[in-house]
Amino acid sequence: MPDYYTIENYPFNPESLRESVFIQVAHAHNHWVVISNYYPKTNEQFLDKWYIYDSMNNPKYYLNFVKNVLRKVSGGSRYINITHVEVSKQHGTIDCGLFALGYALALAMDIDPGCLIFDQRKLRDEFNTIIEKKTLFLFSHSLIDNYMPKYTEFNLDLN
């Protein structure tokens, strides 16, 4: 029986990813990031571009640690093109998982995570409220004035 709780063993067809939105919170060593084939600012019909959202904005740190996920979504290709979308940076090192959950929900709501500044002081209390009340809402945030997306593109060798 497959382990449905980890992407390493999840039975999905990478070809079907071109027809649907994929948003995954992924563990990258001691850090959490979001990997998605969706970016709200595009109107592409085929979802075969890949984006990463990281609250440390440090792709050189985590890219090697998420290769296992990227191998699954690449459909067996040796290389994958990744776009790192710059997002507001977390303070400290312990809230990356909450930032990743916020980015994932923003994507699901068709909001560009790059334009959000989460109120880091409220993240833990709001997450507890989400769990306790069994409700879902986007963490407290403000919007970046005159937001212009910033991103870096990588061609990553998956071997």
C-alpha atoms as a PDB file:
ATOM      1  CA  MET A   1       0.000   0.000   0.000  1.00  0.00           C
ATOM      2  CA  PRO A   2       1.482   3.405  -0.946  1.00  0.00           C
ATOM      3  CA  ASP A   3       2.258   5.961   1.729  1.00  0.00           C
ATOM      4  CA  TYR A   4      -0.102   8.784   0.774  1.00  0.00           C
ATOM      5  CA  TYR A   5       1.439  11.201   3.250  1.00  0.00           C
ATOM      6  CA  THR A   6       4.686  11.757   1.367  1.00  0.00           C
ATOM      7  CA  ILE A   7       5.211  12.829  -2.210  1.00  0.00           C
ATOM      8  CA  GLU A   8       7.963  10.242  -2.624  1.00  0.00           C
ATOM      9  CA  ASN A   9       5.375   7.461  -2.681  1.00  0.00           C
ATOM     10  CA  TYR A  10       2.289   9.267  -3.928  1.00  0.00           C
ATOM     11  CA  PRO A  11       0.966   7.613  -7.116  1.00  0.00           C
ATOM     12  CA  PHE A  12       0.336  10.358  -9.651  1.00  0.00           C
ATOM     13  CA  ASN A  13       0.971  10.780 -13.317  1.00  0.00           C
ATOM     14  CA  PRO A  14       3.305  13.719 -14.074  1.00  0.00           C
ATOM     15  CA  GLU A  15       1.598  14.167 -17.464  1.00  0.00           C
ATOM     16  CA  SER A  16      -1.669  15.005 -15.696  1.00  0.00           C
ATOM     17  CA  LEU A  17       0.072  17.975 -14.054  1.00  0.00           C
ATOM     18  CA  ARG A  18      -0.169  19.849 -17.356  1.00  0.00           C
ATOM     19  CA  GLU A  19      -3.939  19.778 -16.976  1.00  0.00           C
ATOM     20  CA  SER A  20      -4.285  20.746 -13.331  1.00  0.00           C
ATOM     21  CA  VAL A  21      -2.874  23.048 -10.695  1.00  0.00           C
ATOM     22  CA  PHE A  22      -0.239  21.530  -8.408  1.00  0.00           C
ATOM     23  CA  ILE A  23       0.643  23.264  -5.128  1.00  0.00           C
ATOM     24  CA  GLN A  24       2.934  21.366  -2.748  1.00  0.00           C
ATOM     25  CA  VAL A  25       4.503  22.426   0.537  1.00  0.00           C
ATOM     26  CA  ALA A  26       7.846  20.615   0.500  1.00  0.00           C
ATOM     27  CA  HIS A  27      10.423  19.979   3.204  1.00  0.00           C
ATOM     28  CA  ALA A  28      13.916  21.099   2.204  1.00  0.00           C
ATOM     29  CA  HIS A  29      16.253  19.771   4.894  1.00  0.00           C
ATOM     30  CA  ASN A  30      15.344  22.075   7.812  1.00  0.00           C
ATOM     31  CA  HIS A  31      13.226  24.482   5.790  1.00  0.00           C
ATOM     32  CA  TRP A  32       9.787  24.524   4.109  1.00  0.00           C
ATOM     33  CA  VAL A  33       9.075  25.877   0.615  1.00  0.00           C
ATOM     34  CA  VAL A  34       6.181  25.785  -1.852  1.00  0.00           C
ATOM     35  CA  ILE A  35       6.552  24.189  -5.282  1.00  0.00           C
ATOM     36  CA  SER A  36       3.830  24.869  -7.815  1.00  0.00           C
ATOM     37  CA  ASN A  37       3.084  24.842 -11.511  1.00  0.00           C
ATOM     38  CA  TYR A  38       0.840  27.863 -11.015  1.00  0.00           C
ATOM     39  CA  TYR A  39       1.622  31.566 -10.952  1.00  0.00           C
ATOM     40  CA  PRO A  40      -1.370  33.911 -10.614  1.00  0.00           C
ATOM     41  CA  LYS A  41      -0.003  36.551 -12.991  1.00  0.00           C
ATOM     42  CA  THR A  42      -0.043  34.233 -16.017  1.00  0.00           C
ATOM     43  CA  ASN A  43      -2.912  33.088 -18.167  1.00  0.00           C
ATOM     44  CA  GLU A  44      -1.154  30.040 -19.547  1.00  0.00           C
ATOM     45  CA  GLN A  45      -3.371  27.162 -20.563  1.00  0.00           C
ATOM     46  CA  PHE A  46      -0.700  24.508 -20.046  1.00  0.00           C
ATOM     47  CA  LEU A  47       0.800  24.378 -16.608  1.00  0.00           C
ATOM     48  CA  ASP A  48       4.286  23.131 -17.412  1.00  0.00           C
ATOM     49  CA  LYS A  49       6.330  25.874 -15.788  1.00  0.00           C
ATOM     50  CA  TRP A  50       7.493  25.407 -12.204  1.00  0.00           C
ATOM     51  CA  TYR A  51       7.705  28.019  -9.459  1.00  0.00           C
ATOM     52  CA  ILE A  52       9.200  27.995  -5.976  1.00  0.00           C
ATOM     53  CA  TYR A  53       8.216  30.294  -3.127  1.00  0.00           C
ATOM     54  CA  ASP A  54      10.674  30.484  -0.225  1.00  0.00           C
ATOM     55  CA  SER A  55      10.497  32.792   2.801  1.00  0.00           C
ATOM     56  CA  MET A  56      14.308  32.911   2.990  1.00  0.00           C
ATOM     57  CA  ASN A  57      14.629  33.845  -0.710  1.00  0.00           C
ATOM     58  CA  ASN A  58      17.690  31.632  -0.881  1.00  0.00           C
ATOM     59  CA  PRO A  59      17.301  29.085  -3.699  1.00  0.00           C
ATOM     60  CA  LYS A  60      20.945  28.023  -3.564  1.00  0.00           C
ATOM     61  CA  TYR A  61      20.265  26.689  -0.067  1.00  0.00           C
ATOM     62  CA  TYR A  62      17.201  24.557  -0.706  1.00  0.00           C
ATOM     63  CA  LEU A  63      17.177  23.538  -4.393  1.00  0.00           C
ATOM     64  CA  ASN A  64      19.290  20.407  -3.835  1.00  0.00           C
ATOM     65  CA  PHE A  65      17.024  19.365  -0.965  1.00  0.00           C
ATOM     66  CA  VAL A  66      13.817  19.410  -3.048  1.00  0.00           C
ATOM     67  CA  LYS A  67      15.176  17.434  -5.993  1.00  0.00           C
ATOM     68  CA  ASN A  68      13.131  14.424  -4.875  1.00  0.00           C
ATOM     69  CA  VAL A  69       9.908  16.386  -5.426  1.00  0.00           C
ATOM     70  CA  LEU A  70      11.158  17.941  -8.650  1.00  0.00           C
ATOM     71  CA  ARG A  71      12.101  14.513 -10.042  1.00  0.00           C
ATOM     72  CA  LYS A  72       8.509  13.374  -9.503  1.00  0.00           C
ATOM     73  CA  VAL A  73       6.945  16.352 -11.261  1.00  0.00           C
ATOM     74  CA  SER A  74       9.468  16.450 -14.110  1.00  0.00           C
ATOM     75  CA  GLY A  75       8.225  13.173 -15.567  1.00  0.00           C
ATOM     76  CA  GLY A  76      11.701  11.656 -15.682  1.00  0.00           C
ATOM     77  CA  SER A  77      13.541  14.554 -17.335  1.00  0.00           C
ATOM     78  CA  ARG A  78      17.098  15.134 -16.230  1.00  0.00           C
ATOM     79  CA  TYR A  79      16.658  18.933 -16.182  1.00  0.00           C
ATOM     80  CA  ILE A  80      13.848  21.139 -14.984  1.00  0.00           C
ATOM     81  CA  ASN A  81      13.340  24.868 -15.363  1.00  0.00           C
ATOM     82  CA  ILE A  82      12.440  26.496 -12.069  1.00  0.00           C
ATOM     83  CA  THR A  83      11.379  30.082 -11.415  1.00  0.00           C
ATOM     84  CA  HIS A  84      12.115  31.313  -7.902  1.00  0.00           C
ATOM     85  CA  VAL A  85       9.531  34.008  -7.099  1.00  0.00           C
ATOM     86  CA  GLU A  86      10.794  36.512  -4.538  1.00  0.00           C
ATOM     87  CA  VAL A  87       8.496  36.830  -1.532  1.00  0.00           C
ATOM     88  CA  SER A  88       8.674  38.848   1.684  1.00  0.00           C
ATOM     89  CA  LYS A  89      11.452  37.478   3.869  1.00  0.00           C
ATOM     90  CA  GLN A  90      10.779  35.899   7.245  1.00  0.00           C
ATOM     91  CA  HIS A  91      12.564  37.137  10.368  1.00  0.00           C
ATOM     92  CA  GLY A  92      14.399  34.388  12.216  1.00  0.00           C
ATOM     93  CA  THR A  93      14.397  30.719  11.281  1.00  0.00           C
ATOM     94  CA  ILE A  94      11.345  29.060  12.844  1.00  0.00           C
ATOM     95  CA  ASP A  95       8.307  30.298  10.903  1.00  0.00           C
ATOM     96  CA  CYS A  96       9.098  29.014   7.396  1.00  0.00           C
ATOM     97  CA  GLY A  97       6.391  26.329   7.592  1.00  0.00           C
ATOM     98  CA  LEU A  98       3.730  28.905   8.397  1.00  0.00           C
ATOM     99  CA  PHE A  99       4.943  31.160   5.597  1.00  0.00           C
ATOM    100  CA  ALA A 100       4.814  28.174   3.214  1.00  0.00           C
ATOM    101  CA  LEU A 101       1.241  27.378   4.251  1.00  0.00           C
ATOM    102  CA  GLY A 102       0.315  31.025   3.674  1.00  0.00           C
ATOM    103  CA  TYR A 103       1.915  31.028   0.212  1.00  0.00           C
ATOM    104  CA  ALA A 104       0.136  27.787  -0.715  1.00  0.00           C
ATOM    105  CA  LEU A 105      -3.254  29.149   0.328  1.00  0.00           C
ATOM    106  CA  ALA A 106      -2.590  32.436  -1.485  1.00  0.00           C
ATOM    107  CA  LEU A 107      -1.871  30.489  -4.686  1.00  0.00           C
ATOM    108  CA  ALA A 108      -5.070  28.481  -4.223  1.00  0.00           C
ATOM    109  CA  MET A 109      -6.927  31.806  -3.872  1.00  0.00           C
ATOM    110  CA  ASP A 110      -5.293  33.144  -7.087  1.00  0.00           C
ATOM    111  CA  ILE A 111      -3.151  35.656  -5.166  1.00  0.00           C
ATOM    112  CA  ASP A 112       0.517  36.188  -6.003  1.00  0.00           C
ATOM    113  CA  PRO A 113       2.426  35.397  -2.777  1.00  0.00           C
ATOM    114  CA  GLY A 114       5.083  37.897  -3.839  1.00  0.00           C
ATOM    115  CA  CYS A 115       2.746  40.823  -3.200  1.00  0.00           C
ATOM    116  CA  LEU A 116       1.993  39.783   0.398  1.00  0.00           C
ATOM    117  CA  ILE A 117       3.728  40.744   3.617  1.00  0.00           C
ATOM    118  CA  PHE A 118       2.507  38.409   6.353  1.00  0.00           C
ATOM    119  CA  ASP A 119       2.299  39.795   9.881  1.00  0.00           C
ATOM    120  CA  GLN A 120       4.767  37.344  11.382  1.00  0.00           C
ATOM    121  CA  ARG A 121       3.802  38.256  14.962  1.00  0.00           C
ATOM    122  CA  LYS A 122       0.282  36.864  14.344  1.00  0.00           C
ATOM    123  CA  LEU A 123       1.100  33.721  12.323  1.00  0.00           C
ATOM    124  CA  ARG A 124       1.172  31.192  15.171  1.00  0.00           C
ATOM    125  CA  ASP A 125      -1.990  32.457  16.883  1.00  0.00           C
ATOM    126  CA  GLU A 126      -3.855  32.553  13.575  1.00  0.00           C
ATOM    127  CA  PHE A 127      -2.673  29.055  12.680  1.00  0.00           C
ATOM    128  CA  ASN A 128      -3.955  27.815  16.066  1.00  0.00           C
ATOM    129  CA  THR A 129      -7.305  29.481  15.327  1.00  0.00           C
ATOM    130  CA  ILE A 130      -7.482  27.742  11.943  1.00  0.00           C
ATOM    131  CA  ILE A 131      -6.910  24.365  13.636  1.00  0.00           C
ATOM    132  CA  GLU A 132      -9.188  24.951  16.629  1.00  0.00           C
ATOM    133  CA  LYS A 133     -12.115  26.400  14.663  1.00  0.00           C
ATOM    134  CA  LYS A 134     -11.661  24.139  11.622  1.00  0.00           C
ATOM    135  CA  THR A 135     -11.836  27.106   9.306  1.00  0.00           C
ATOM    136  CA  LEU A 136      -9.471  28.416   6.681  1.00  0.00           C
ATOM    137  CA  PHE A 137      -8.374  31.990   6.056  1.00  0.00           C
ATOM    138  CA  LEU A 138      -5.318  33.773   4.748  1.00  0.00           C
ATOM    139  CA  PHE A 139      -2.987  34.943   7.508  1.00  0.00           C
ATOM    140  CA  SER A 140      -3.001  38.659   8.369  1.00  0.00           C
ATOM    141  CA  HIS A 141      -1.047  40.518   5.737  1.00  0.00           C
ATOM    142  CA  SER A 142      -0.501  43.770   3.953  1.00  0.00           C
ATOM    143  CA  LEU A 143       0.092  44.282   0.258  1.00  0.00           C
ATOM    144  CA  ILE A 144       3.307  45.640  -1.212  1.00  0.00           C
ATOM    145  CA  ASP A 145       2.674  49.059  -2.759  1.00  0.00           C
ATOM    146  CA  ASN A 146       3.321  49.234  -6.509  1.00  0.00           C
ATOM    147  CA  TYR A 147       4.256  45.552  -6.532  1.00  0.00           C
ATOM    148  CA  MET A 148       6.460  44.445  -9.421  1.00  0.00           C
ATOM    149  CA  PRO A 149       7.201  40.701  -9.439  1.00  0.00           C
ATOM    150  CA  LYS A 150      10.844  39.718  -8.997  1.00  0.00           C
ATOM    151  CA  TYR A 151      12.040  36.293  -9.922  1.00  0.00           C
ATOM    152  CA  THR A 152      15.092  34.280 -10.870  1.00  0.00           C
ATOM    153  CA  GLU A 153      15.049  31.420 -13.357  1.00  0.00           C
ATOM    154  CA  PHE A 154      17.164  28.279 -12.955  1.00  0.00           C
ATOM    155  CA  ASN A 155      17.769  25.219 -15.086  1.00  0.00           C
ATOM    156  CA  LEU A 156      18.380  22.527 -12.493  1.00  0.00           C
ATOM    157  CA  ASP A 157      20.140  19.220 -13.110  1.00  0.00           C
ATOM    158  CA  LEU A 158      18.113  16.609 -11.202  1.00  0.00           C
ATOM    159  CA  ASN A 159      20.907  14.018 -11.067  1.00  0.00           C
END
